[in-house]
Amino acid sequence: MWHNTLNLLFISILVGILLGVFGATAAHYFRTGIYFIEQLVSTRFDNANRFILIFCSLSIAAVMISLIKAKFSLIRWHGPADTIFAAHRVDNELDIKSGIASTLAAFFSAAGGASVGQYGPLVHFGATLGSWIKTILKLRISTDIVLGGGVAAAISAGFSAPLTGIIFAHEAILRHFSFKALAPIAIASGTAIVIHNYLWSSSNFMMGLYPGTDIGPMILISIAAGPFFGFVAILFMFTILTFAKIPTQMGLNQFQSFLVAITGLSIIGTFYPEVMGLGTSAIISLTTGSTLLLMAVAILFGKIIATALSLGFGFFGGVFSPALLVGAAAGSIATSVLSWMGIQSFQGPELIICGMAAVAGSVIGAPISMIMIVLELTGSYSLALVSTIGIVTASMISGQLFDHSIFDRQLLSRGIDLSRGRMGIRLMEESITKITSSDVLKFKPEVIVDVAKAEMVKMRLNEAYVNTHEGKYIGKLHLKTLIFAKPSDAIIKYTDTEALNIKSDASLQQAIEAAANFIGETIPIVDRKTETLVGTINEGDLLKMYLDLQGQTIDLEKR
């Protein structure tokens, strides 16, 4: 007992520290590299035509992304949706090659000026680092521990928000709480912020900007603005997913898709440069200055379209940073409208901060994490409190009318329904071939009743199966039916051709649903393509398999 506890504690500390160090380093150099390239381009080509500059910059990024995709032989990029799916399984390690390639693609997309985010790629890369460490050190720990630690480190260093890192890993990725996962996740998050601040320091432009917030009126305003932020989040997610289908529907190849994206983004960036890239400067401008209503509207729709073009037509990156800017623009719109109506009960950009957190929280499915981000980034308890209502209301609206997050909808398009939970996913993925028995008594249709009955009694079987000479399944034979049958009759006359049978590629979930009202000993498993009998299963094996999966899920989530 003590040995196992100390071993788990040592592994937790080791994994947490390693993930914290690697996560902080990756987050720093990822962001620093992007900013360095952005500054280099803006400094060297300050007087260049904006359209040509953006077009050339995005073209270079497109070439690099194409080379990365070809070099790593990837069919698609991997991101937070893959991390979430991996965390819902006990036997699914993240592909390290895909994680590295996707991170590089996101880096060049953002550095080239595409309207993509940085935090999604960092989250997936942190999780990939966790899988890599587990593989290298040959650690006998569950996948969710290393994934959660990597994610927490990335968020902690990326936002300078260690508490948010811990909560985000549990809320958005793991979607459960367990004590054995808490220690490495907390250590990774804490280590990441310590390493990041010690080596590179960090500055937070939001800290100290809010001397005080009148809670009463702001709560009422937050309640009223919450649904608006929810609908903005739905529009953002819907547009991204819709644009992602267009290249396939139009039959565009990779070059044509990039050309559409580069041309469209160059036009948008020429008139509204604020919506390009990570959008950090635009967020600062919205939260620290006064933005005109029309400009805020232009930023909102411009950012949504630019992000959808970038992600749908070849570039790769996250949606978190774009969602923050879209939310800030939505908050600015709400502030301007309320001011026009004569409602000026707030002292600063409180509603803009609430909009940022509400839209982003709805998009990534992490409202509690966004409340913590407001608290850690602003240092204002009252602002976090009044933002809570808007964040939760927006998440409720988007969750009911759209989905829990954009990642859930992406997985659903692949046939993975996270609403089923871990147990539901495992039941749908687990094949019944493991419990299918090929030891089956079979007869040809012309065999007489007396012979079949004698063989069944000899083998102590109440059920047998009838196949054609070509091996095709006909139906089930019951001993109780043969007892009162004419001995010289052919058994085909007494064969139950309507007996329940299950397709050979059925999942455990499908088999359980099919057998819910079954009465008998065994259920035939039939290959629907060849119409042949593969074997049989029984209710006992189904129940045992279900209980085994249930035990694994409980062990993962609770212990």
Protein backbone atom coordinates (compact mmCIF):
# COMPACT_ATOMS: atom_id res chain seq x y z
CA MET A 1 0.00 0.00 0.00
CA TRP A 2 2.68 2.50 1.07
CA HIS A 3 4.91 1.40 -1.78
CA ASN A 4 2.19 2.07 -4.37
CA THR A 5 1.35 5.43 -2.82
CA LEU A 6 4.97 6.61 -2.78
CA ASN A 7 5.48 5.34 -6.33
CA LEU A 8 2.42 7.26 -7.55
CA LEU A 9 3.59 10.39 -5.71
CA PHE A 10 7.08 10.18 -7.24
CA ILE A 11 5.69 9.67 -10.76
CA SER A 12 3.24 12.54 -10.28
CA ILE A 13 6.00 14.93 -9.22
CA LEU A 14 8.34 13.79 -12.00
CA VAL A 15 5.70 14.01 -14.73
CA GLY A 16 4.43 17.34 -13.41
CA ILE A 17 7.87 18.95 -13.36
CA LEU A 18 8.86 17.65 -16.80
CA LEU A 19 5.59 18.77 -18.37
CA GLY A 20 5.84 22.14 -16.64
CA VAL A 21 9.35 22.78 -17.95
CA PHE A 22 8.66 21.59 -21.49
CA GLY A 23 5.24 23.26 -21.61
CA ALA A 24 6.56 26.65 -20.48
CA THR A 25 9.43 26.48 -22.96
CA ALA A 26 7.19 25.50 -25.86
CA ALA A 27 4.62 28.22 -25.06
CA HIS A 28 7.30 30.92 -24.78
CA TYR A 29 9.16 30.16 -27.98
CA PHE A 30 5.95 29.53 -29.94
CA ARG A 31 4.63 32.99 -29.11
CA THR A 32 8.01 34.71 -29.23
CA GLY A 33 8.71 33.26 -32.67
CA ILE A 34 5.39 34.53 -34.02
CA TYR A 35 5.90 38.02 -32.60
CA PHE A 36 9.48 38.14 -33.87
CA ILE A 37 8.41 37.35 -37.43
CA GLU A 38 5.51 39.83 -37.22
CA GLN A 39 7.84 42.61 -36.03
CA LEU A 40 10.46 41.73 -38.63
CA VAL A 41 7.94 41.93 -41.46
CA SER A 42 6.34 45.15 -40.23
CA THR A 43 9.74 46.81 -39.70
CA ARG A 44 11.38 45.74 -42.96
CA PHE A 45 8.33 46.32 -45.16
CA ASP A 46 6.67 49.22 -43.37
CA ASN A 47 6.09 51.18 -46.59
CA ALA A 48 4.99 48.24 -48.74
CA ASN A 49 1.51 47.96 -50.19
CA ARG A 50 -0.60 46.26 -47.52
CA PHE A 51 -2.44 43.91 -49.89
CA ILE A 52 0.80 42.73 -51.53
CA LEU A 53 2.53 42.35 -48.16
CA ILE A 54 -0.27 40.21 -46.71
CA PHE A 55 -0.58 38.19 -49.93
CA CYS A 56 3.17 37.41 -50.02
CA SER A 57 3.35 36.65 -46.30
CA LEU A 58 0.42 34.23 -46.44
CA SER A 59 1.79 32.63 -49.62
CA ILE A 60 5.09 31.85 -47.91
CA ALA A 61 3.17 30.39 -44.95
CA ALA A 62 1.07 28.28 -47.33
CA VAL A 63 4.20 26.87 -48.96
CA MET A 64 5.69 25.96 -45.57
CA ILE A 65 2.44 24.32 -44.45
CA SER A 66 2.22 22.31 -47.67
CA LEU A 67 5.80 21.10 -47.20
CA ILE A 68 5.10 20.09 -43.60
CA LYS A 69 1.97 18.19 -44.60
CA ALA A 70 3.86 16.35 -47.35
CA LYS A 71 6.92 15.66 -45.18
CA PHE A 72 4.88 14.19 -42.31
CA SER A 73 2.36 12.48 -44.64
CA LEU A 74 -0.64 13.86 -42.79
CA ILE A 75 -4.22 13.61 -44.01
CA ARG A 76 -5.49 16.23 -41.56
CA TRP A 77 -4.18 18.44 -38.77
CA HIS A 78 -4.63 17.51 -35.12
CA GLY A 79 -5.84 19.83 -32.38
CA PRO A 80 -7.77 20.07 -29.10
CA ALA A 81 -10.60 17.84 -30.39
CA ASP A 82 -8.10 14.98 -30.73
CA THR A 83 -6.77 15.70 -27.24
CA ILE A 84 -10.29 15.54 -25.78
CA PHE A 85 -11.02 12.28 -27.60
CA ALA A 86 -7.76 10.75 -26.39
CA ALA A 87 -8.60 11.74 -22.81
CA HIS A 88 -11.88 9.85 -23.09
CA ARG A 89 -10.13 6.58 -23.82
CA VAL A 90 -7.70 4.41 -21.85
CA ASP A 91 -5.92 2.94 -24.87
CA ASN A 92 -5.40 5.92 -27.18
CA GLU A 93 -2.04 7.69 -27.06
CA LEU A 94 -1.63 10.85 -29.12
CA ASP A 95 0.43 10.53 -32.28
CA ILE A 96 3.62 12.50 -31.59
CA LYS A 97 4.42 13.02 -35.27
CA SER A 98 1.01 14.50 -35.96
CA GLY A 99 1.25 16.71 -32.89
CA ILE A 100 4.60 18.18 -33.92
CA ALA A 101 3.52 18.70 -37.53
CA SER A 102 0.27 20.37 -36.48
CA THR A 103 2.10 22.70 -34.11
CA LEU A 104 4.53 23.72 -36.84
CA ALA A 105 1.64 24.33 -39.25
CA ALA A 106 -0.09 26.49 -36.65
CA PHE A 107 3.13 28.43 -36.06
CA PHE A 108 3.61 29.28 -39.73
CA SER A 109 -0.10 30.06 -40.15
CA ALA A 110 -0.04 32.57 -37.28
CA ALA A 111 3.37 33.98 -38.21
CA GLY A 112 2.23 34.43 -41.80
CA GLY A 113 -0.71 36.53 -40.66
CA ALA A 114 -3.61 34.08 -40.97
CA SER A 115 -6.49 34.69 -38.58
CA VAL A 116 -5.82 31.76 -36.26
CA GLY A 117 -5.14 31.30 -32.57
CA GLN A 118 -2.15 30.09 -30.62
CA TYR A 119 -3.66 28.43 -27.57
CA GLY A 120 -5.37 25.48 -29.30
CA PRO A 121 -2.11 24.28 -30.90
CA LEU A 122 -0.27 24.84 -27.60
CA VAL A 123 -2.89 22.79 -25.75
CA HIS A 124 -2.55 19.89 -28.18
CA PHE A 125 1.24 20.15 -28.23
CA GLY A 126 1.32 20.10 -24.42
CA ALA A 127 -0.80 16.94 -24.47
CA THR A 128 1.49 15.47 -27.14
CA LEU A 129 4.49 16.18 -24.90
CA GLY A 130 2.72 14.25 -22.17
CA SER A 131 2.26 11.23 -24.43
CA TRP A 132 5.90 11.47 -25.51
CA ILE A 133 7.16 11.56 -21.90
CA LYS A 134 4.97 8.59 -21.00
CA THR A 135 6.35 6.62 -23.96
CA ILE A 136 10.00 7.54 -23.35
CA LEU A 137 9.94 6.83 -19.61
CA LYS A 138 7.61 3.84 -20.08
CA LEU A 139 5.34 5.10 -17.32
CA ARG A 140 2.50 2.84 -16.22
CA ILE A 141 -0.04 5.58 -15.68
CA SER A 142 -3.29 6.38 -17.40
CA THR A 143 -3.29 8.57 -20.47
CA ASP A 144 -5.47 11.28 -18.95
CA ILE A 145 -2.82 12.14 -16.34
CA VAL A 146 -0.12 13.03 -18.86
CA LEU A 147 -2.59 14.70 -21.22
CA GLY A 148 -4.03 16.84 -18.44
CA GLY A 149 -0.59 17.83 -17.18
CA GLY A 150 0.57 18.90 -20.63
CA VAL A 151 -2.59 20.91 -21.23
CA ALA A 152 -2.39 22.62 -17.82
CA ALA A 153 1.25 23.60 -18.42
CA ALA A 154 0.44 25.11 -21.82
CA ILE A 155 -2.47 27.19 -20.50
CA SER A 156 -0.60 28.23 -17.36
CA ALA A 157 2.41 29.53 -19.29
CA GLY A 158 0.33 30.89 -22.18
CA PHE A 159 -1.95 33.02 -20.00
CA SER A 160 0.22 33.35 -16.90
CA ALA A 161 -2.74 31.81 -15.11
CA PRO A 162 -1.82 28.62 -13.18
CA LEU A 163 -5.22 28.11 -11.52
CA THR A 164 -6.92 28.42 -14.89
CA GLY A 165 -4.53 25.79 -16.27
CA ILE A 166 -5.60 23.30 -13.61
CA ILE A 167 -9.32 23.97 -14.06
CA PHE A 168 -9.15 24.06 -17.85
CA ALA A 169 -7.46 20.66 -18.01
CA HIS A 170 -10.24 19.13 -15.93
CA GLU A 171 -13.17 21.06 -17.38
CA ALA A 172 -12.45 21.26 -21.11
CA ILE A 173 -10.20 18.24 -21.76
CA LEU A 174 -10.58 15.48 -19.15
CA ARG A 175 -14.16 16.38 -18.19
CA HIS A 176 -13.88 14.54 -14.91
CA PHE A 177 -12.07 14.91 -11.59
CA SER A 178 -9.81 12.34 -9.94
CA PHE A 179 -7.26 12.70 -7.16
CA LYS A 180 -4.59 10.71 -8.95
CA ALA A 181 -4.69 13.16 -11.87
CA LEU A 182 -4.86 16.32 -9.75
CA ALA A 183 -1.30 16.16 -8.38
CA PRO A 184 0.62 15.97 -11.70
CA ILE A 185 -1.74 18.51 -13.31
CA ALA A 186 -1.29 20.98 -10.44
CA ILE A 187 2.48 20.45 -10.36
CA ALA A 188 2.75 20.88 -14.13
CA SER A 189 0.70 24.09 -14.04
CA GLY A 190 2.68 25.50 -11.11
CA THR A 191 6.04 24.53 -12.58
CA ALA A 192 5.16 26.08 -15.94
CA ILE A 193 4.35 29.50 -14.47
CA VAL A 194 7.42 29.45 -12.22
CA ILE A 195 9.75 28.52 -15.07
CA HIS A 196 8.14 31.00 -17.44
CA ASN A 197 8.29 33.91 -14.99
CA TYR A 198 11.81 33.07 -13.82
CA LEU A 199 13.36 32.74 -17.27
CA TRP A 200 11.35 35.22 -19.32
CA SER A 201 9.08 37.06 -16.86
CA SER A 202 5.57 38.01 -17.93
CA SER A 203 3.52 41.16 -18.15
CA ASN A 204 -0.26 41.40 -18.04
CA PHE A 205 -1.78 44.50 -19.57
CA MET A 206 -5.12 43.84 -17.85
CA MET A 207 -3.81 43.71 -14.28
CA GLY A 208 -4.69 46.75 -12.21
CA LEU A 209 -6.96 48.40 -14.79
CA TYR A 210 -10.09 47.96 -12.72
CA PRO A 211 -10.11 49.94 -9.49
CA GLY A 212 -13.66 48.85 -8.75
CA THR A 213 -16.87 47.61 -10.29
CA ASP A 214 -20.40 48.41 -9.14
CA ILE A 215 -21.61 44.84 -8.81
CA GLY A 216 -25.36 45.39 -8.63
CA PRO A 217 -26.01 47.14 -11.97
CA MET A 218 -23.33 45.12 -13.75
CA ILE A 219 -24.97 41.82 -12.79
CA LEU A 220 -28.22 42.97 -14.40
CA ILE A 221 -26.35 44.14 -17.51
CA SER A 222 -24.42 40.86 -17.63
CA ILE A 223 -27.69 38.90 -17.51
CA ALA A 224 -29.06 40.93 -20.42
CA ALA A 225 -25.85 40.69 -22.49
CA GLY A 226 -25.27 36.96 -21.89
CA PRO A 227 -27.70 35.69 -24.56
CA PHE A 228 -26.23 38.12 -27.09
CA PHE A 229 -22.74 36.76 -26.43
CA GLY A 230 -24.13 33.22 -26.74
CA PHE A 231 -25.59 33.92 -30.18
CA VAL A 232 -22.31 35.54 -31.27
CA ALA A 233 -20.46 32.38 -30.19
CA ILE A 234 -22.92 30.24 -32.19
CA LEU A 235 -22.40 32.44 -35.26
CA PHE A 236 -18.63 32.13 -34.88
CA MET A 237 -18.66 28.32 -34.57
CA PHE A 238 -21.26 27.81 -37.29
CA THR A 239 -19.33 29.96 -39.76
CA ILE A 240 -16.06 28.10 -39.13
CA LEU A 241 -17.64 24.67 -39.56
CA THR A 242 -19.57 25.77 -42.65
CA PHE A 243 -16.49 27.20 -44.37
CA ALA A 244 -14.60 23.98 -43.59
CA LYS A 245 -17.00 22.05 -45.87
CA ILE A 246 -16.84 24.42 -48.84
CA PRO A 247 -13.50 23.29 -50.40
CA THR A 248 -14.70 19.67 -50.51
CA GLN A 249 -18.13 20.62 -51.83
CA MET A 250 -16.53 22.73 -54.58
CA GLY A 251 -13.90 20.08 -55.38
CA LEU A 252 -10.98 22.43 -54.68
CA ASN A 253 -7.47 21.01 -54.39
CA GLN A 254 -4.94 22.26 -51.85
CA PHE A 255 -3.48 24.95 -54.13
CA GLN A 256 -6.91 26.32 -55.04
CA SER A 257 -8.00 26.36 -51.41
CA PHE A 258 -4.90 28.28 -50.36
CA LEU A 259 -5.40 30.74 -53.22
CA VAL A 260 -8.97 31.49 -52.11
CA ALA A 261 -7.86 31.94 -48.49
CA ILE A 262 -4.85 34.12 -49.32
CA THR A 263 -6.82 36.36 -51.67
CA GLY A 264 -9.74 36.74 -49.28
CA LEU A 265 -7.53 37.38 -46.25
CA SER A 266 -5.44 39.90 -48.19
CA ILE A 267 -8.56 41.88 -49.07
CA ILE A 268 -9.88 41.76 -45.49
CA GLY A 269 -6.47 42.63 -44.05
CA THR A 270 -6.08 45.60 -46.38
CA PHE A 271 -9.18 47.30 -45.00
CA TYR A 272 -9.21 45.85 -41.47
CA PRO A 273 -5.68 44.86 -40.40
CA GLU A 274 -6.93 44.57 -36.80
CA VAL A 275 -8.55 41.21 -37.54
CA MET A 276 -5.41 39.56 -38.91
CA GLY A 277 -2.98 37.40 -36.96
CA LEU A 278 -3.48 36.66 -33.27
CA GLY A 279 -5.41 39.90 -32.75
CA THR A 280 -3.64 40.81 -29.48
CA SER A 281 -3.22 44.49 -30.35
CA ALA A 282 -6.89 44.74 -31.36
CA ILE A 283 -7.96 43.25 -28.01
CA ILE A 284 -5.77 45.77 -26.17
CA SER A 285 -7.27 48.59 -28.21
CA LEU A 286 -10.83 47.44 -27.46
CA THR A 287 -10.25 47.02 -23.73
CA THR A 288 -8.16 50.13 -23.09
CA GLY A 289 -9.73 52.66 -25.47
CA SER A 290 -13.04 53.73 -26.92
CA THR A 291 -13.98 51.99 -30.17
CA LEU A 292 -16.76 53.30 -32.37
CA LEU A 293 -19.81 51.07 -32.80
CA LEU A 294 -19.34 50.63 -36.55
CA MET A 295 -15.70 49.73 -36.08
CA ALA A 296 -16.58 47.15 -33.42
CA VAL A 297 -19.17 45.61 -35.77
CA ALA A 298 -16.61 45.50 -38.60
CA ILE A 299 -14.05 43.81 -36.33
CA LEU A 300 -16.61 41.24 -35.15
CA PHE A 301 -17.74 40.14 -38.61
CA GLY A 302 -14.30 40.62 -40.16
CA LYS A 303 -12.66 38.38 -37.56
CA ILE A 304 -15.32 35.69 -37.92
CA ILE A 305 -14.96 35.57 -41.72
CA ALA A 306 -11.15 35.82 -41.62
CA THR A 307 -10.90 32.96 -39.11
CA ALA A 308 -13.35 30.80 -41.08
CA LEU A 309 -11.40 31.47 -44.30
CA SER A 310 -8.09 30.64 -42.63
CA LEU A 311 -9.18 27.41 -40.97
CA GLY A 312 -11.50 26.26 -43.74
CA PHE A 313 -9.20 26.79 -46.71
CA GLY A 314 -5.83 25.37 -45.71
CA PHE A 315 -4.29 27.20 -42.78
CA PHE A 316 -4.26 25.73 -39.29
CA GLY A 317 -4.44 27.09 -35.77
CA GLY A 318 -6.63 27.57 -32.75
CA VAL A 319 -10.01 29.23 -32.27
CA PHE A 320 -9.44 30.51 -28.74
CA SER A 321 -7.57 33.73 -29.61
CA PRO A 322 -9.99 34.62 -32.44
CA ALA A 323 -12.91 33.95 -30.07
CA LEU A 324 -11.41 36.37 -27.55
CA LEU A 325 -11.29 39.14 -30.15
CA VAL A 326 -14.80 38.34 -31.40
CA GLY A 327 -16.02 38.43 -27.80
CA ALA A 328 -14.24 41.71 -27.13
CA ALA A 329 -15.87 43.22 -30.23
CA ALA A 330 -19.28 41.89 -29.09
CA GLY A 331 -18.68 43.45 -25.66
CA SER A 332 -17.75 46.74 -27.28
CA ILE A 333 -20.96 46.65 -29.36
CA ALA A 334 -23.03 45.96 -26.23
CA THR A 335 -21.24 48.80 -24.38
CA SER A 336 -21.91 51.25 -27.21
CA VAL A 337 -25.58 50.27 -27.45
CA LEU A 338 -26.09 50.62 -23.69
CA SER A 339 -24.32 53.97 -23.67
CA TRP A 340 -26.56 55.14 -26.52
CA MET A 341 -29.55 54.06 -24.42
CA GLY A 342 -28.24 56.14 -21.52
CA ILE A 343 -27.20 53.16 -19.39
CA GLN A 344 -23.68 54.00 -18.13
CA SER A 345 -23.45 52.27 -14.79
CA PHE A 346 -20.02 50.74 -15.39
CA GLN A 347 -16.71 52.57 -15.09
CA GLY A 348 -14.58 50.83 -17.68
CA PRO A 349 -14.48 47.97 -20.20
CA GLU A 350 -16.14 45.51 -17.83
CA LEU A 351 -18.65 44.39 -20.43
CA ILE A 352 -15.90 43.95 -23.02
CA ILE A 353 -14.00 41.62 -20.67
CA CYS A 354 -17.25 39.76 -19.96
CA GLY A 355 -17.86 39.42 -23.71
CA MET A 356 -14.37 38.04 -24.32
CA ALA A 357 -14.77 35.41 -21.63
CA ALA A 358 -18.38 34.55 -22.52
CA VAL A 359 -17.79 33.99 -26.24
CA ALA A 360 -14.49 32.15 -25.75
CA GLY A 361 -15.94 30.03 -22.94
CA SER A 362 -18.89 29.03 -25.14
CA VAL A 363 -16.62 28.19 -28.09
CA ILE A 364 -14.22 25.95 -26.14
CA GLY A 365 -16.78 24.63 -23.65
CA ALA A 366 -15.05 25.90 -20.51
CA PRO A 367 -17.11 28.56 -18.71
CA ILE A 368 -15.55 27.99 -15.27
CA SER A 369 -12.05 28.29 -16.75
CA MET A 370 -13.01 31.61 -18.31
CA ILE A 371 -14.25 32.91 -14.96
CA MET A 372 -10.85 32.03 -13.52
CA ILE A 373 -9.07 33.72 -16.42
CA VAL A 374 -10.95 36.94 -15.73
CA LEU A 375 -9.94 36.71 -12.07
CA GLU A 376 -6.28 35.88 -12.70
CA LEU A 377 -5.73 38.29 -15.58
CA THR A 378 -7.49 41.31 -14.05
CA GLY A 379 -6.93 40.66 -10.36
CA SER A 380 -10.50 41.87 -9.81
CA TYR A 381 -12.78 39.62 -7.78
CA SER A 382 -15.80 41.83 -8.42
CA LEU A 383 -15.22 41.78 -12.19
CA ALA A 384 -14.92 37.98 -12.16
CA LEU A 385 -18.13 37.79 -10.15
CA VAL A 386 -20.21 39.98 -12.47
CA SER A 387 -18.72 38.29 -15.55
CA THR A 388 -19.84 34.91 -14.23
CA ILE A 389 -23.49 35.54 -15.08
CA GLY A 390 -22.76 36.55 -18.67
CA ILE A 391 -20.34 33.67 -19.18
CA VAL A 392 -22.69 31.01 -17.81
CA THR A 393 -25.73 32.43 -19.64
CA ALA A 394 -23.87 32.55 -22.96
CA SER A 395 -22.59 28.99 -22.49
CA MET A 396 -26.10 27.80 -21.69
CA ILE A 397 -27.51 29.40 -24.85
CA SER A 398 -24.78 28.04 -27.14
CA GLY A 399 -24.83 24.63 -25.47
CA GLN A 400 -28.58 24.21 -25.93
CA LEU A 401 -28.82 25.63 -29.46
CA PHE A 402 -25.49 24.44 -30.92
CA ASP A 403 -23.26 22.13 -28.88
CA HIS A 404 -21.09 22.00 -25.78
CA SER A 405 -18.14 23.34 -27.78
CA ILE A 406 -16.80 23.57 -31.32
CA PHE A 407 -14.58 20.59 -30.51
CA ASP A 408 -17.60 18.44 -29.63
CA ARG A 409 -19.18 19.33 -32.97
CA GLN A 410 -15.94 18.50 -34.82
CA LEU A 411 -15.80 15.09 -33.14
CA LEU A 412 -19.49 14.51 -33.83
CA SER A 413 -18.80 15.00 -37.54
CA ARG A 414 -16.37 12.07 -37.23
CA GLY A 415 -19.02 9.91 -35.60
CA ILE A 416 -17.77 10.48 -32.02
CA ASP A 417 -20.50 11.64 -29.65
CA LEU A 418 -18.95 13.00 -26.45
CA SER A 419 -22.39 13.51 -24.93
CA ARG A 420 -22.42 9.75 -24.34
CA GLY A 421 -19.54 10.12 -21.90
CA ARG A 422 -16.54 7.82 -21.61
CA MET A 423 -18.67 4.77 -21.03
CA GLY A 424 -20.83 5.46 -24.07
CA ILE A 425 -17.80 6.00 -26.29
CA ARG A 426 -16.16 2.81 -25.09
CA LEU A 427 -19.36 0.84 -25.66
CA MET A 428 -19.61 2.15 -29.21
CA GLU A 429 -15.94 1.43 -29.97
CA GLU A 430 -15.68 -2.01 -28.38
CA SER A 431 -16.28 -4.79 -30.88
CA ILE A 432 -18.18 -7.94 -29.96
CA THR A 433 -15.62 -10.07 -31.81
CA LYS A 434 -13.80 -10.53 -28.49
CA ILE A 435 -16.70 -12.51 -27.05
CA THR A 436 -17.92 -14.20 -30.24
CA SER A 437 -17.70 -17.99 -30.01
CA SER A 438 -17.16 -20.01 -33.18
CA ASP A 439 -18.04 -23.29 -31.41
CA VAL A 440 -21.48 -23.61 -32.96
CA LEU A 441 -23.59 -26.64 -33.89
CA LYS A 442 -24.71 -26.28 -37.52
CA PHE A 443 -27.01 -28.36 -39.68
CA LYS A 444 -27.92 -28.44 -43.34
CA PRO A 445 -31.61 -27.77 -44.09
CA GLU A 446 -32.38 -31.33 -45.28
CA VAL A 447 -31.24 -33.01 -42.03
CA ILE A 448 -34.19 -34.83 -40.44
CA VAL A 449 -35.59 -33.94 -37.02
CA ASP A 450 -34.58 -37.21 -35.35
CA VAL A 451 -30.90 -36.79 -36.28
CA ALA A 452 -30.74 -33.14 -35.28
CA LYS A 453 -32.53 -33.80 -31.99
CA ALA A 454 -30.19 -36.67 -31.08
CA GLU A 455 -27.12 -34.52 -31.84
CA MET A 456 -28.40 -31.62 -29.76
CA VAL A 457 -29.22 -33.87 -26.79
CA LYS A 458 -25.78 -35.49 -27.06
CA MET A 459 -24.05 -32.09 -26.95
CA ARG A 460 -26.46 -30.77 -24.31
CA LEU A 461 -27.54 -27.85 -26.46
CA ASN A 462 -30.98 -26.28 -26.59
CA GLU A 463 -30.16 -24.30 -29.74
CA ALA A 464 -28.47 -25.01 -33.07
CA TYR A 465 -28.23 -23.20 -36.41
CA VAL A 466 -29.15 -24.01 -39.99
CA ASN A 467 -27.03 -23.03 -42.98
CA THR A 468 -27.36 -23.62 -46.72
CA HIS A 469 -24.84 -25.78 -48.57
CA GLU A 470 -23.15 -22.54 -49.65
CA GLY A 471 -22.70 -21.64 -45.99
CA LYS A 472 -25.34 -18.91 -45.86
CA TYR A 473 -27.20 -18.45 -42.61
CA ILE A 474 -30.89 -19.46 -42.59
CA GLY A 475 -32.03 -19.40 -38.97
CA LYS A 476 -32.07 -20.91 -35.49
CA LEU A 477 -33.25 -24.38 -34.41
CA HIS A 478 -34.83 -24.85 -30.93
CA LEU A 479 -34.74 -28.26 -29.20
CA LYS A 480 -38.12 -27.67 -27.55
CA THR A 481 -39.65 -27.27 -31.02
CA LEU A 482 -38.14 -30.57 -32.25
CA ILE A 483 -39.49 -32.57 -29.32
CA PHE A 484 -43.01 -32.45 -30.72
CA ALA A 485 -41.98 -32.48 -34.39
CA LYS A 486 -42.37 -35.43 -36.76
CA PRO A 487 -39.06 -37.39 -36.57
CA SER A 488 -38.77 -37.87 -40.35
CA ASP A 489 -39.40 -34.23 -41.28
CA ALA A 490 -36.59 -31.99 -42.51
CA ILE A 491 -35.50 -29.47 -39.89
CA ILE A 492 -35.95 -26.56 -42.32
CA LYS A 493 -39.65 -26.85 -41.58
CA TYR A 494 -39.02 -25.98 -37.91
CA THR A 495 -36.25 -23.43 -38.37
CA ASP A 496 -36.86 -20.02 -36.81
CA THR A 497 -35.85 -17.68 -39.64
CA GLU A 498 -37.02 -14.59 -37.69
CA ALA A 499 -34.73 -15.21 -34.71
CA LEU A 500 -32.69 -12.24 -33.50
CA ASN A 501 -29.26 -11.96 -35.08
CA ILE A 502 -26.56 -9.28 -34.79
CA LYS A 503 -24.24 -8.04 -37.53
CA SER A 504 -20.63 -9.14 -37.18
CA ASP A 505 -19.22 -5.58 -37.02
CA ALA A 506 -21.62 -4.44 -34.32
CA SER A 507 -20.33 -2.58 -31.27
CA LEU A 508 -20.98 -3.66 -27.72
CA GLN A 509 -23.53 -0.84 -27.39
CA GLN A 510 -25.44 -2.05 -30.45
CA ALA A 511 -25.33 -5.65 -29.23
CA ILE A 512 -26.69 -4.70 -25.79
CA GLU A 513 -29.48 -2.66 -27.36
CA ALA A 514 -30.38 -5.55 -29.68
CA ALA A 515 -30.35 -8.07 -26.84
CA ALA A 516 -32.40 -5.92 -24.46
CA ASN A 517 -35.55 -8.02 -24.97
CA PHE A 518 -33.84 -11.26 -26.00
CA ILE A 519 -34.90 -14.57 -24.44
CA GLY A 520 -32.74 -17.61 -25.14
CA GLU A 521 -29.24 -19.03 -24.81
CA THR A 522 -27.19 -17.59 -27.66
CA ILE A 523 -27.49 -14.87 -30.29
CA PRO A 524 -26.14 -15.58 -33.80
CA ILE A 525 -23.56 -13.17 -35.24
CA VAL A 526 -23.99 -12.85 -38.99
CA ASP A 527 -21.76 -11.27 -41.60
CA ARG A 528 -24.26 -9.15 -43.49
CA LYS A 529 -22.12 -8.99 -46.63
CA THR A 530 -21.64 -12.73 -47.09
CA GLU A 531 -24.72 -13.77 -45.09
CA THR A 532 -22.63 -16.33 -43.23
CA LEU A 533 -22.80 -17.31 -39.57
CA VAL A 534 -19.64 -16.05 -37.83
CA GLY A 535 -20.43 -17.38 -34.38
CA THR A 536 -22.61 -16.71 -31.35
CA ILE A 537 -22.60 -14.64 -28.17
CA ASN A 538 -24.54 -15.03 -24.95
CA GLU A 539 -25.97 -12.54 -22.47
CA GLY A 540 -23.50 -13.52 -19.76
CA ASP A 541 -20.49 -12.58 -21.89
CA LEU A 542 -22.18 -9.31 -22.87
CA LEU A 543 -22.76 -8.43 -19.22
CA LYS A 544 -19.22 -9.36 -18.20
CA MET A 545 -17.73 -7.26 -20.99
CA TYR A 546 -19.93 -4.33 -19.96
CA LEU A 547 -18.89 -4.61 -16.31
CA ASP A 548 -15.19 -4.75 -17.27
CA LEU A 549 -15.53 -1.51 -19.24
CA GLN A 550 -17.50 0.07 -16.43
CA GLY A 551 -14.74 -0.81 -13.97
CA GLN A 552 -12.08 0.72 -16.22
CA THR A 553 -14.12 3.91 -16.59
CA ILE A 554 -14.71 4.22 -12.84
CA ASP A 555 -11.01 3.64 -12.20
CA LEU A 556 -10.15 6.41 -14.66
CA GLU A 557 -12.66 8.98 -13.45
CA LYS A 558 -12.98 8.40 -9.72
CA ARG A 559 -9.92 6.73 -8.28
